[in-house]
N, C-alpha and C. Protein backbone atom coordinates (compact mmCIF):
# COMPACT_ATOMS: atom_id res chain seq x y z
N MET A 1 20.48 -26.80 52.16
CA MET A 1 20.67 -25.77 52.83
C MET A 1 21.83 -24.66 52.63
N THR A 2 21.64 -23.60 52.55
CA THR A 2 22.98 -22.14 51.89
C THR A 2 23.46 -21.96 54.13
N GLU A 3 25.30 -21.90 53.57
CA GLU A 3 25.42 -21.75 55.09
C GLU A 3 24.90 -20.14 55.71
N THR A 4 24.56 -19.33 55.45
CA THR A 4 23.57 -18.45 55.56
C THR A 4 22.81 -18.71 56.35
N ARG A 5 21.50 -19.57 56.31
CA ARG A 5 20.86 -19.95 56.66
C ARG A 5 20.99 -21.00 57.96
N LEU A 6 21.97 -21.48 57.63
CA LEU A 6 22.67 -22.17 58.48
C LEU A 6 23.11 -21.73 59.44
N ARG A 7 24.12 -20.53 59.21
CA ARG A 7 24.56 -19.98 60.50
C ARG A 7 22.99 -18.99 61.15
N ASP A 8 21.42 -18.56 60.54
CA ASP A 8 20.74 -18.27 61.38
C ASP A 8 19.86 -18.92 62.08
N ASP A 9 20.58 -20.35 61.79
CA ASP A 9 19.28 -21.88 62.53
C ASP A 9 19.97 -21.97 63.73
N ILE A 10 21.43 -21.79 63.83
CA ILE A 10 22.26 -22.39 64.42
C ILE A 10 22.42 -20.85 66.02
N ALA A 11 22.00 -20.02 65.26
CA ALA A 11 21.87 -19.11 65.88
C ALA A 11 20.67 -18.94 66.78
N ARG A 12 19.21 -19.00 66.21
CA ARG A 12 18.48 -19.30 67.17
C ARG A 12 17.99 -20.32 67.23
N LEU A 13 18.50 -21.08 67.22
CA LEU A 13 18.19 -22.57 67.95
C LEU A 13 19.20 -22.49 69.21
N SER A 14 20.14 -22.30 69.36
CA SER A 14 21.35 -21.75 70.23
C SER A 14 20.67 -20.63 71.15
N ARG A 15 19.45 -19.83 70.66
CA ARG A 15 18.81 -18.78 71.99
C ARG A 15 17.73 -20.04 72.70
N SER A 16 17.27 -20.20 71.90
CA SER A 16 15.91 -21.52 71.70
C SER A 16 16.79 -22.08 73.49
N LEU A 17 17.64 -22.25 72.75
CA LEU A 17 18.35 -23.59 74.23
C LEU A 17 18.19 -22.72 75.37
N PHE A 18 19.27 -21.28 74.95
CA PHE A 18 19.84 -20.68 76.56
C PHE A 18 18.35 -20.55 76.97
N GLU A 19 17.36 -20.09 76.84
CA GLU A 19 16.14 -19.46 77.26
C GLU A 19 15.26 -20.08 78.24
N ARG A 20 15.51 -21.27 77.41
CA ARG A 20 14.74 -22.57 78.36
C ARG A 20 16.21 -23.49 79.70
N GLY A 21 17.06 -22.68 79.59
CA GLY A 21 17.77 -23.06 80.82
C GLY A 21 18.36 -24.28 80.44
N PHE A 22 18.99 -24.67 78.71
CA PHE A 22 19.62 -25.64 78.76
C PHE A 22 21.08 -25.54 78.92
N SER A 23 21.22 -24.28 79.26
CA SER A 23 22.76 -23.72 79.05
C SER A 23 22.76 -22.52 79.49
N VAL A 24 23.77 -22.45 80.14
CA VAL A 24 23.55 -21.03 81.24
C VAL A 24 25.48 -19.79 80.51
N GLY A 25 25.49 -18.09 81.06
CA GLY A 25 26.24 -18.04 80.62
C GLY A 25 27.21 -18.43 79.26
N SER A 26 28.31 -19.08 79.18
CA SER A 26 29.35 -19.14 78.00
C SER A 26 29.20 -20.57 77.80
N ALA A 27 28.64 -21.72 79.05
CA ALA A 27 28.53 -23.01 78.32
C ALA A 27 28.13 -23.50 77.35
N GLY A 28 28.27 -24.15 76.87
CA GLY A 28 27.44 -24.80 75.81
C GLY A 28 28.66 -24.61 74.30
N ASN A 29 28.28 -25.38 73.38
CA ASN A 29 28.81 -25.27 72.06
C ASN A 29 27.89 -26.41 70.67
N ILE A 30 27.83 -25.42 70.05
CA ILE A 30 27.29 -25.80 69.10
C ILE A 30 28.09 -26.09 67.67
N SER A 31 27.76 -27.25 66.06
CA SER A 31 28.25 -27.40 65.85
C SER A 31 27.72 -27.92 64.30
N ALA A 32 28.18 -28.09 63.16
CA ALA A 32 27.18 -28.05 62.11
C ALA A 32 28.16 -28.06 60.51
N ALA A 33 27.66 -29.22 59.91
CA ALA A 33 28.47 -29.62 58.81
C ALA A 33 28.44 -28.52 57.33
N VAL A 34 29.56 -28.23 57.33
CA VAL A 34 29.05 -27.18 55.58
C VAL A 34 29.52 -27.86 54.61
N ASP A 35 29.45 -28.37 53.05
CA ASP A 35 30.14 -28.75 52.48
C ASP A 35 31.64 -27.90 52.07
N ASP A 36 32.28 -27.02 52.82
CA ASP A 36 34.41 -27.68 52.10
C ASP A 36 33.94 -27.08 54.05
N GLY A 37 34.03 -27.86 55.13
CA GLY A 37 34.31 -27.19 56.62
C GLY A 37 33.28 -28.05 57.74
N LEU A 38 33.56 -26.78 58.08
CA LEU A 38 32.55 -27.03 59.96
C LEU A 38 32.24 -25.59 60.29
N LEU A 39 30.92 -25.49 60.46
CA LEU A 39 31.06 -24.61 61.27
C LEU A 39 30.92 -24.68 63.05
N ILE A 40 31.10 -23.97 63.97
CA ILE A 40 30.68 -24.08 65.17
C ILE A 40 30.67 -22.61 66.14
N THR A 41 30.09 -22.61 67.24
CA THR A 41 29.74 -21.36 68.13
C THR A 41 31.60 -20.98 68.46
N PRO A 42 31.28 -19.44 68.29
CA PRO A 42 33.13 -18.80 69.32
C PRO A 42 32.88 -19.47 70.76
N THR A 43 34.66 -19.67 70.74
CA THR A 43 34.41 -19.81 72.56
C THR A 43 34.55 -18.08 73.59
N ASN A 44 33.61 -18.91 74.52
CA ASN A 44 33.66 -18.15 75.09
C ASN A 44 32.73 -17.55 74.93
N SER A 45 31.71 -17.84 73.73
CA SER A 45 30.22 -16.46 73.53
C SER A 45 29.26 -17.25 74.32
N CYS A 46 28.18 -16.66 74.80
CA CYS A 46 27.06 -16.67 75.32
C CYS A 46 26.30 -17.63 74.07
N LEU A 47 25.09 -18.74 73.90
CA LEU A 47 24.38 -19.30 73.82
C LEU A 47 23.20 -18.19 72.82
N GLY A 48 22.73 -17.41 74.06
CA GLY A 48 21.77 -17.13 73.69
C GLY A 48 21.40 -15.85 72.89
N PHE A 49 23.23 -15.65 72.44
CA PHE A 49 23.55 -13.70 72.22
C PHE A 49 24.68 -14.23 71.48
N LEU A 50 24.29 -14.96 69.66
CA LEU A 50 25.32 -15.07 69.21
C LEU A 50 25.14 -14.19 67.46
N ASP A 51 25.85 -14.07 66.94
CA ASP A 51 25.99 -12.76 66.24
C ASP A 51 26.17 -13.89 64.48
N PRO A 52 25.30 -14.28 64.12
CA PRO A 52 25.44 -15.17 63.04
C PRO A 52 26.25 -15.59 62.17
N ALA A 53 26.70 -13.89 62.01
CA ALA A 53 27.58 -13.99 60.81
C ALA A 53 29.51 -13.68 61.23
N ARG A 54 29.60 -14.30 62.78
CA ARG A 54 30.51 -14.31 63.92
C ARG A 54 31.04 -15.62 64.29
N ILE A 55 29.70 -16.68 64.03
CA ILE A 55 30.31 -18.09 64.22
C ILE A 55 31.12 -18.91 63.41
N SER A 56 31.96 -19.54 64.25
CA SER A 56 32.98 -19.45 63.52
C SER A 56 33.46 -20.54 63.13
N LYS A 57 34.09 -20.70 61.57
CA LYS A 57 34.14 -21.36 60.75
C LYS A 57 35.82 -22.08 60.55
N LEU A 58 35.92 -23.64 59.99
CA LEU A 58 36.57 -23.79 59.99
C LEU A 58 36.85 -25.44 59.04
N ASP A 59 38.31 -25.50 58.14
CA ASP A 59 37.85 -25.69 57.24
C ASP A 59 38.19 -27.52 57.43
N ARG A 60 38.31 -28.25 56.30
CA ARG A 60 37.99 -29.81 55.88
C ARG A 60 38.66 -30.56 57.27
N ASP A 61 40.56 -29.84 56.73
CA ASP A 61 40.96 -30.31 57.77
C ASP A 61 41.39 -29.65 59.52
N GLY A 62 39.96 -28.19 59.53
CA GLY A 62 40.19 -27.99 60.76
C GLY A 62 40.95 -26.28 61.29
N ARG A 63 41.09 -25.98 59.74
CA ARG A 63 41.88 -24.75 60.31
C ARG A 63 41.05 -23.75 60.22
N HIS A 64 40.99 -22.54 61.77
CA HIS A 64 40.09 -21.62 61.49
C HIS A 64 40.07 -20.55 60.45
N ILE A 65 38.77 -20.21 59.32
CA ILE A 65 39.37 -19.62 58.55
C ILE A 65 38.17 -18.51 58.67
N PHE A 66 37.50 -18.64 59.37
CA PHE A 66 36.49 -17.20 59.10
C PHE A 66 35.82 -17.49 60.58
N GLY A 67 35.19 -15.55 60.87
CA GLY A 67 34.53 -15.77 62.31
C GLY A 67 35.27 -15.83 63.51
N ASP A 68 34.39 -15.69 64.67
CA ASP A 68 35.97 -15.43 66.00
C ASP A 68 36.49 -17.21 65.94
N ALA A 69 37.35 -16.95 66.54
CA ALA A 69 38.13 -17.75 67.36
C ALA A 69 36.57 -18.98 67.80
N PRO A 70 37.55 -20.55 67.11
CA PRO A 70 36.06 -21.16 68.09
C PRO A 70 36.33 -21.67 69.08
N SER A 71 34.89 -22.79 69.58
CA SER A 71 35.36 -23.57 70.69
C SER A 71 36.23 -23.67 71.13
N LYS A 72 36.45 -23.70 72.11
CA LYS A 72 37.70 -25.12 73.23
C LYS A 72 37.30 -25.84 73.05
N GLU A 73 35.95 -26.30 72.16
CA GLU A 73 35.69 -28.05 72.50
C GLU A 73 35.77 -28.42 71.39
N ILE A 74 36.34 -28.20 70.70
CA ILE A 74 35.95 -27.99 68.48
C ILE A 74 36.89 -29.58 68.88
N PHE A 75 37.55 -29.91 69.76
CA PHE A 75 38.07 -31.73 69.66
C PHE A 75 37.02 -32.73 69.77
N LEU A 76 36.20 -32.48 70.35
CA LEU A 76 34.73 -32.78 70.85
C LEU A 76 34.30 -33.52 69.17
N HIS A 77 33.78 -32.07 68.74
CA HIS A 77 32.97 -31.65 68.09
C HIS A 77 33.77 -32.72 66.83
N ARG A 78 34.77 -32.80 65.94
CA ARG A 78 35.72 -33.23 65.15
C ARG A 78 35.72 -34.79 65.59
N ALA A 79 35.63 -35.08 66.58
CA ALA A 79 36.22 -36.50 66.83
C ALA A 79 34.84 -37.01 66.51
N PHE A 80 33.19 -36.23 66.49
CA PHE A 80 32.20 -37.61 66.05
C PHE A 80 32.68 -37.17 64.54
N TYR A 81 33.00 -36.20 64.05
CA TYR A 81 32.45 -35.76 62.50
C TYR A 81 33.57 -37.08 61.77
N LYS A 82 34.84 -36.88 62.66
CA LYS A 82 35.83 -38.19 62.14
C LYS A 82 35.11 -40.10 62.26
N THR A 83 35.09 -40.17 63.76
CA THR A 83 34.08 -41.65 63.67
C THR A 83 32.83 -41.95 63.22
N ARG A 84 31.87 -40.53 62.95
CA ARG A 84 30.03 -41.36 62.06
C ARG A 84 30.30 -39.97 61.38
N PRO A 85 29.99 -40.58 59.98
CA PRO A 85 31.02 -39.77 58.72
C PRO A 85 29.05 -39.66 58.39
N GLU A 86 27.97 -39.65 59.06
CA GLU A 86 26.84 -39.63 58.75
C GLU A 86 26.48 -38.24 59.89
N THR A 87 27.40 -37.56 60.95
CA THR A 87 26.89 -36.97 61.25
C THR A 87 27.20 -35.10 60.55
N GLY A 88 25.44 -35.09 60.58
CA GLY A 88 25.72 -33.72 59.82
C GLY A 88 25.61 -32.40 61.56
N ALA A 89 25.68 -32.62 62.51
CA ALA A 89 25.32 -31.42 63.77
C ALA A 89 25.77 -32.12 65.34
N VAL A 90 26.44 -31.50 65.91
CA VAL A 90 27.29 -31.98 67.07
C VAL A 90 27.08 -30.69 68.15
N VAL A 91 26.12 -30.91 69.22
CA VAL A 91 25.63 -30.42 70.63
C VAL A 91 26.27 -30.57 71.18
N HIS A 92 26.98 -29.51 72.66
CA HIS A 92 27.69 -30.28 73.56
C HIS A 92 26.73 -29.11 74.31
N LEU A 93 26.27 -29.38 75.61
CA LEU A 93 25.53 -28.52 76.47
C LEU A 93 25.91 -29.00 78.05
N HIS A 94 25.95 -28.20 79.25
CA HIS A 94 25.82 -28.34 80.02
C HIS A 94 24.82 -28.31 81.38
N SER A 95 23.89 -28.94 80.61
CA SER A 95 22.57 -29.05 81.23
C SER A 95 22.07 -29.54 81.76
N THR A 96 21.29 -28.82 82.86
CA THR A 96 21.23 -29.61 84.79
C THR A 96 21.30 -31.08 84.66
N PHE A 97 19.94 -31.93 84.73
CA PHE A 97 19.99 -33.18 85.02
C PHE A 97 20.58 -33.72 83.81
N ALA A 98 21.60 -34.15 83.39
CA ALA A 98 22.54 -34.76 82.19
C ALA A 98 23.75 -34.81 82.95
N THR A 99 23.71 -33.36 83.36
CA THR A 99 24.85 -33.43 83.94
C THR A 99 25.09 -33.50 85.46
N ALA A 100 24.02 -34.19 86.17
CA ALA A 100 23.93 -34.15 87.23
C ALA A 100 23.96 -36.10 87.41
N LEU A 101 23.73 -36.53 86.30
CA LEU A 101 24.31 -37.73 85.69
C LEU A 101 25.47 -38.45 85.61
N SER A 102 26.16 -37.28 84.88
CA SER A 102 27.00 -37.38 84.83
C SER A 102 28.50 -37.77 85.83
N CYS A 103 27.56 -36.36 87.12
CA CYS A 103 28.81 -36.82 88.60
C CYS A 103 28.25 -37.63 89.35
N LEU A 104 26.96 -38.67 89.37
CA LEU A 104 26.81 -39.46 89.95
C LEU A 104 27.47 -41.01 90.28
N ALA A 105 28.28 -41.06 91.39
CA ALA A 105 28.79 -42.20 90.70
C ALA A 105 28.07 -43.80 91.13
N ASP A 106 27.33 -44.00 90.77
CA ASP A 106 26.43 -44.81 90.49
C ASP A 106 26.06 -45.36 88.96
N THR A 107 26.43 -44.05 88.33
CA THR A 107 25.64 -44.28 86.91
C THR A 107 26.70 -45.29 85.79
N ASP A 108 25.54 -46.10 85.14
CA ASP A 108 25.86 -46.81 84.48
C ASP A 108 27.26 -46.63 83.38
N PRO A 109 28.47 -46.52 83.17
CA PRO A 109 29.05 -45.94 82.16
C PRO A 109 28.83 -46.87 80.99
N GLU A 110 28.51 -48.24 81.14
CA GLU A 110 27.88 -48.45 79.63
C GLU A 110 26.65 -48.16 79.20
N ASP A 111 25.91 -47.47 80.13
CA ASP A 111 24.28 -47.25 79.21
C ASP A 111 23.83 -45.89 80.99
N CYS A 112 23.97 -45.27 80.32
CA CYS A 112 24.31 -44.11 81.33
C CYS A 112 22.44 -43.18 81.69
N ILE A 113 21.34 -43.67 80.06
CA ILE A 113 20.36 -42.92 80.38
C ILE A 113 20.11 -44.10 79.93
N PRO A 114 19.38 -44.60 80.70
CA PRO A 114 18.51 -46.50 80.27
C PRO A 114 17.29 -46.48 79.76
N PRO A 115 16.76 -47.09 78.46
CA PRO A 115 15.79 -46.88 78.01
C PRO A 115 14.03 -47.03 78.40
N LEU A 116 14.36 -45.60 79.10
CA LEU A 116 12.93 -44.84 79.77
C LEU A 116 11.81 -44.67 79.29
N THR A 117 11.68 -44.15 77.76
CA THR A 117 10.74 -43.38 77.01
C THR A 117 11.35 -44.10 75.60
N PRO A 118 9.96 -44.44 74.99
CA PRO A 118 10.27 -44.56 73.41
C PRO A 118 11.18 -43.65 72.82
N TYR A 119 11.41 -42.29 73.60
CA TYR A 119 11.44 -41.21 72.63
C TYR A 119 13.45 -41.40 72.36
N VAL A 120 13.52 -41.61 73.61
CA VAL A 120 15.17 -41.29 73.65
C VAL A 120 15.77 -42.51 73.02
N VAL A 121 15.09 -43.95 72.75
CA VAL A 121 15.51 -44.51 72.18
C VAL A 121 15.81 -44.79 70.71
N MET A 122 14.02 -43.76 70.33
CA MET A 122 14.53 -43.14 69.34
C MET A 122 15.36 -41.90 68.76
N ARG A 123 15.47 -41.26 69.30
CA ARG A 123 15.73 -40.05 69.35
C ARG A 123 17.54 -39.63 69.73
N VAL A 124 18.47 -40.69 70.95
CA VAL A 124 19.49 -40.57 71.43
C VAL A 124 19.89 -41.64 71.08
N GLY A 125 19.11 -43.16 71.67
CA GLY A 125 20.17 -43.75 71.70
C GLY A 125 20.96 -44.43 73.48
N LYS A 126 21.53 -44.88 73.08
CA LYS A 126 22.97 -46.17 73.79
C LYS A 126 23.33 -44.97 74.14
N VAL A 127 23.50 -44.35 75.65
CA VAL A 127 24.26 -43.36 75.55
C VAL A 127 25.60 -43.87 76.90
N ARG A 128 27.16 -43.51 76.37
CA ARG A 128 28.53 -44.00 77.16
C ARG A 128 28.99 -42.66 77.95
N LEU A 129 28.65 -42.62 79.19
CA LEU A 129 29.78 -42.20 79.99
C LEU A 129 31.73 -42.37 79.11
N VAL A 130 31.65 -40.94 79.20
CA VAL A 130 33.38 -40.53 79.04
C VAL A 130 33.89 -39.98 80.19
N PRO A 131 35.37 -40.76 80.41
CA PRO A 131 36.41 -40.53 81.23
C PRO A 131 36.24 -38.75 81.31
N TYR A 132 36.24 -38.58 82.36
CA TYR A 132 36.75 -37.00 82.82
C TYR A 132 38.19 -36.66 81.99
N ALA A 133 38.12 -35.63 80.70
CA ALA A 133 38.86 -34.28 81.00
C ALA A 133 39.19 -33.03 81.05
N ARG A 134 39.92 -32.58 81.66
CA ARG A 134 39.33 -30.87 81.76
C ARG A 134 38.61 -30.29 80.53
N PRO A 135 37.62 -29.58 80.27
CA PRO A 135 37.42 -28.38 79.40
C PRO A 135 38.95 -27.74 78.39
N GLY A 136 38.10 -28.45 76.97
CA GLY A 136 39.49 -28.06 75.80
C GLY A 136 40.92 -28.63 75.81
N ASP A 137 40.64 -30.06 76.74
CA ASP A 137 42.05 -30.80 76.42
C ASP A 137 41.45 -31.41 75.58
N PRO A 138 42.75 -31.98 74.31
CA PRO A 138 42.41 -32.45 72.91
C PRO A 138 42.03 -34.16 73.34
N ARG A 139 42.52 -34.38 74.65
CA ARG A 139 42.01 -35.59 74.71
C ARG A 139 40.73 -36.17 75.26
N ALA A 140 40.08 -35.44 75.18
CA ALA A 140 38.51 -35.13 75.50
C ALA A 140 38.14 -36.01 73.58
N GLY A 141 38.77 -34.96 72.70
CA GLY A 141 38.54 -36.32 71.09
C GLY A 141 38.98 -37.30 70.47
N ASP A 142 40.32 -37.63 71.81
CA ASP A 142 41.06 -39.02 71.71
C ASP A 142 39.58 -40.59 72.68
N LEU A 143 39.44 -40.09 73.06
CA LEU A 143 38.48 -40.16 74.07
C LEU A 143 37.24 -40.99 73.02
N ILE A 144 36.22 -40.06 72.44
CA ILE A 144 35.97 -40.16 70.99
C ILE A 144 36.09 -40.97 70.46
N ARG A 145 37.13 -40.83 69.92
CA ARG A 145 37.33 -42.02 69.45
C ARG A 145 37.59 -42.78 69.41
N ALA A 146 38.33 -43.22 70.58
CA ALA A 146 38.12 -44.69 70.94
C ALA A 146 37.20 -45.38 70.64
N LEU A 147 35.96 -44.96 70.45
CA LEU A 147 34.80 -44.80 71.05
C LEU A 147 34.22 -46.03 69.10
N GLU A 148 34.89 -45.23 68.67
CA GLU A 148 34.96 -45.83 67.03
C GLU A 148 33.33 -45.62 66.75
N GLY A 149 32.55 -44.80 66.47
CA GLY A 149 31.51 -43.95 66.14
C GLY A 149 30.05 -45.07 66.35
N ARG A 150 30.56 -46.06 67.81
CA ARG A 150 29.64 -46.81 67.89
C ARG A 150 27.92 -46.36 69.32
N TYR A 151 29.02 -44.68 69.38
CA TYR A 151 27.44 -44.10 70.29
C TYR A 151 27.70 -42.69 69.18
N ALA A 152 25.86 -41.92 69.40
CA ALA A 152 25.44 -40.61 68.59
C ALA A 152 26.00 -39.61 70.25
N ALA A 153 25.54 -40.70 71.00
CA ALA A 153 26.20 -39.28 72.64
C ALA A 153 26.46 -40.15 73.65
N VAL A 154 27.38 -39.02 74.21
CA VAL A 154 28.08 -39.21 75.66
C VAL A 154 27.51 -38.52 76.91
N LEU A 155 27.77 -38.69 77.51
CA LEU A 155 28.14 -37.67 78.80
C LEU A 155 29.68 -37.05 79.02
N LEU A 156 29.98 -36.84 79.81
CA LEU A 156 31.21 -36.26 79.53
C LEU A 156 31.47 -36.29 81.00
N ALA A 157 32.26 -37.21 82.20
CA ALA A 157 31.76 -37.31 83.41
C ALA A 157 32.35 -35.90 83.64
N ASN A 158 31.44 -35.57 85.17
CA ASN A 158 31.85 -34.48 86.26
C ASN A 158 31.23 -33.23 84.71
N HIS A 159 30.69 -33.25 83.41
CA HIS A 159 30.81 -32.36 82.70
C HIS A 159 29.88 -31.80 81.83
N GLY A 160 29.40 -33.07 81.80
CA GLY A 160 28.09 -32.42 80.56
C GLY A 160 27.86 -33.74 79.05
N PRO A 161 26.10 -33.00 78.51
CA PRO A 161 26.43 -33.70 77.63
C PRO A 161 26.79 -33.91 76.05
N VAL A 162 26.91 -34.39 75.07
CA VAL A 162 27.07 -34.23 74.00
C VAL A 162 26.64 -35.04 72.66
N VAL A 163 25.74 -35.41 72.42
CA VAL A 163 24.73 -35.22 71.57
C VAL A 163 25.46 -35.10 69.85
N SER A 164 25.22 -35.93 68.36
CA SER A 164 25.62 -36.19 67.48
C SER A 164 24.38 -36.13 66.41
N ALA A 165 23.89 -36.02 65.80
CA ALA A 165 22.56 -35.96 64.66
C ALA A 165 23.06 -36.29 63.40
N ARG A 166 22.00 -36.82 62.54
CA ARG A 166 22.35 -36.21 61.09
C ARG A 166 21.71 -34.84 60.30
N ASP A 167 21.61 -33.45 61.53
CA ASP A 167 21.27 -32.39 60.96
C ASP A 167 21.20 -31.86 62.20
N LEU A 168 21.28 -30.83 62.20
CA LEU A 168 20.79 -29.51 63.19
C LEU A 168 20.08 -29.36 64.12
N HIS A 169 18.46 -29.70 63.64
CA HIS A 169 17.32 -29.58 64.38
C HIS A 169 17.56 -31.44 65.08
N ALA A 170 18.17 -32.36 64.39
CA ALA A 170 17.70 -34.05 64.80
C ALA A 170 18.57 -33.49 65.96
N ALA A 171 19.87 -33.25 65.74
CA ALA A 171 21.01 -33.30 67.08
C ALA A 171 20.61 -32.34 68.53
N VAL A 172 19.52 -31.26 68.17
CA VAL A 172 19.57 -30.37 69.26
C VAL A 172 17.69 -31.30 69.92
N TYR A 173 16.96 -31.52 68.89
CA TYR A 173 15.80 -32.16 69.26
C TYR A 173 16.55 -33.17 70.39
N ALA A 174 17.49 -34.42 69.47
CA ALA A 174 18.50 -35.62 70.53
C ALA A 174 19.14 -34.81 72.16
N ALA A 175 19.49 -33.75 71.96
CA ALA A 175 19.92 -32.70 72.95
C ALA A 175 17.95 -32.83 74.33
N GLU A 176 17.93 -32.34 73.46
CA GLU A 176 16.35 -31.22 74.78
C GLU A 176 16.07 -33.09 74.84
N GLU A 177 16.03 -33.64 74.49
CA GLU A 177 15.27 -35.14 75.11
C GLU A 177 16.44 -36.23 75.65
N LEU A 178 17.43 -36.08 75.93
CA LEU A 178 19.03 -36.31 76.36
C LEU A 178 17.96 -36.03 78.31
N GLU A 179 18.35 -34.43 77.74
CA GLU A 179 18.05 -33.81 79.20
C GLU A 179 16.97 -33.91 79.88
N GLU A 180 15.54 -34.17 78.90
CA GLU A 180 14.71 -34.62 79.70
C GLU A 180 14.11 -35.89 80.38
N THR A 181 15.36 -36.87 79.79
CA THR A 181 15.13 -38.26 80.56
C THR A 181 15.77 -38.41 81.34
N ALA A 182 17.02 -37.67 81.18
CA ALA A 182 17.72 -37.32 82.20
C ALA A 182 16.93 -36.63 84.21
N LYS A 183 15.91 -35.77 83.70
CA LYS A 183 15.18 -34.90 84.55
C LYS A 183 14.45 -36.53 85.50
N LEU A 184 13.63 -36.90 84.64
CA LEU A 184 12.93 -38.23 84.71
C LEU A 184 13.77 -39.35 85.45
N LEU A 185 14.85 -39.48 85.36
CA LEU A 185 15.97 -40.57 85.96
C LEU A 185 16.04 -40.05 87.22
N VAL A 186 16.36 -38.64 87.24
CA VAL A 186 16.86 -38.66 88.91
C VAL A 186 15.86 -38.49 89.52
N SER A 187 15.26 -37.33 89.18
CA SER A 187 13.39 -37.38 89.77
C SER A 187 12.96 -39.13 90.24
N LEU A 188 13.41 -39.94 89.25
CA LEU A 188 12.57 -41.82 90.12
C LEU A 188 13.48 -41.77 91.04
N ARG A 189 14.80 -41.14 90.71
CA ARG A 189 15.71 -42.56 91.96
C ARG A 189 15.46 -42.58 93.29
N GLY A 190 15.34 -44.36 94.06
CA GLY A 190 14.34 -44.66 94.81
C GLY A 190 13.23 -45.35 94.52
N LEU A 191 12.86 -45.07 93.66
CA LEU A 191 11.52 -45.49 93.39
C LEU A 191 11.72 -46.75 92.39
N PRO A 192 10.38 -47.56 92.32
CA PRO A 192 10.48 -48.88 90.95
C PRO A 192 9.83 -48.57 90.57
N THR A 193 11.01 -48.52 88.85
CA THR A 193 10.63 -47.71 88.48
C THR A 193 10.52 -49.12 87.12
N ARG A 194 9.28 -48.71 86.08
CA ARG A 194 10.11 -50.01 85.39
C ARG A 194 10.83 -49.33 83.69
N MET A 195 11.29 -49.74 83.33
CA MET A 195 12.49 -49.38 81.71
C MET A 195 11.44 -49.96 80.30
N LEU A 196 11.39 -49.14 79.43
CA LEU A 196 11.06 -50.62 78.44
C LEU A 196 12.06 -52.01 77.84
N SER A 197 11.39 -53.52 78.25
CA SER A 197 11.78 -54.46 77.79
C SER A 197 12.92 -54.25 76.50
N VAL A 198 13.88 -55.83 76.32
CA VAL A 198 14.78 -55.57 75.19
C VAL A 198 13.98 -55.79 73.93
N ASP A 199 12.17 -57.19 73.52
CA ASP A 199 11.97 -56.50 72.75
C ASP A 199 11.43 -55.36 72.64
N GLN A 200 11.14 -54.43 73.22
CA GLN A 200 10.61 -52.85 73.08
C GLN A 200 11.53 -52.15 72.50
N VAL A 201 12.31 -52.11 72.88
CA VAL A 201 13.74 -51.39 72.26
C VAL A 201 14.34 -51.84 71.23
N ASN A 202 14.83 -53.08 70.68
CA ASN A 202 14.28 -53.79 69.58
C ASN A 202 13.28 -52.99 68.74
N GLU A 203 12.17 -53.17 69.41
CA GLU A 203 10.84 -53.02 67.97
C GLU A 203 11.32 -51.38 67.78
N LEU A 204 11.55 -50.87 68.57
CA LEU A 204 12.13 -49.40 68.35
C LEU A 204 12.56 -48.61 67.46
N THR A 205 14.17 -49.82 67.46
CA THR A 205 15.14 -49.75 66.49
C THR A 205 14.52 -49.94 65.20
N ARG A 206 14.07 -51.38 64.92
CA ARG A 206 13.64 -51.91 63.83
C ARG A 206 12.72 -51.03 63.02
N VAL A 207 11.66 -50.27 63.68
CA VAL A 207 11.07 -49.36 62.98
C VAL A 207 10.87 -47.74 62.88
N PHE A 208 11.74 -47.27 63.66
CA PHE A 208 12.53 -45.83 63.85
C PHE A 208 14.11 -45.86 63.13
N GLY A 209 14.76 -47.19 63.42
CA GLY A 209 16.64 -46.77 63.19
C GLY A 209 16.97 -46.67 64.41
N GLY A 210 18.13 -46.70 64.10
CA GLY A 210 18.65 -46.48 65.77
C GLY A 210 19.25 -45.36 65.35
N SER A 211 19.91 -44.84 66.32
CA SER A 211 20.72 -42.93 66.68
C SER A 211 22.44 -43.07 66.50
């Protein structure tokens, strides 16, 4: 895929997320890998109104070389690319229900999104809660790197989800799946709930692969 096409896809998918309420205002940021570096949405930009030509570009060493200034959350993104070499894109949202789970005191930090449906297992995998760090703090990248690539997705405490995947479309679909599963989990709180069994999760992982 050409860089021009990838820029257009970032803008198109970002707008779709914005229009469906997965991000508001200037919240959220999306990146995608290119042969000679990284594309990322600009800082203080709205996902609903991106100009593809102004999307920021960084070289392989993280230096800003083109476009508007990159998102202040670039540390989160680079940490995923560093620890999960198969990563082709990263999506960070402040979507309502995933963010709600990141704020709840009884959310399991080792397994924020339990296996409620097969698609959250297939597209997202196990999700870890990462301790709070202020937005834009480079320490957030350190916290991701400390996970050593074991998780394709995390919840940032009191902040929201970050999801990585092999390409841009897969990362967006996984972020959407995580949010919809979080919505189900919040809706079902206090009700007897049946999760997928270990055997069922293992079958899904065997047949469809892990995230």
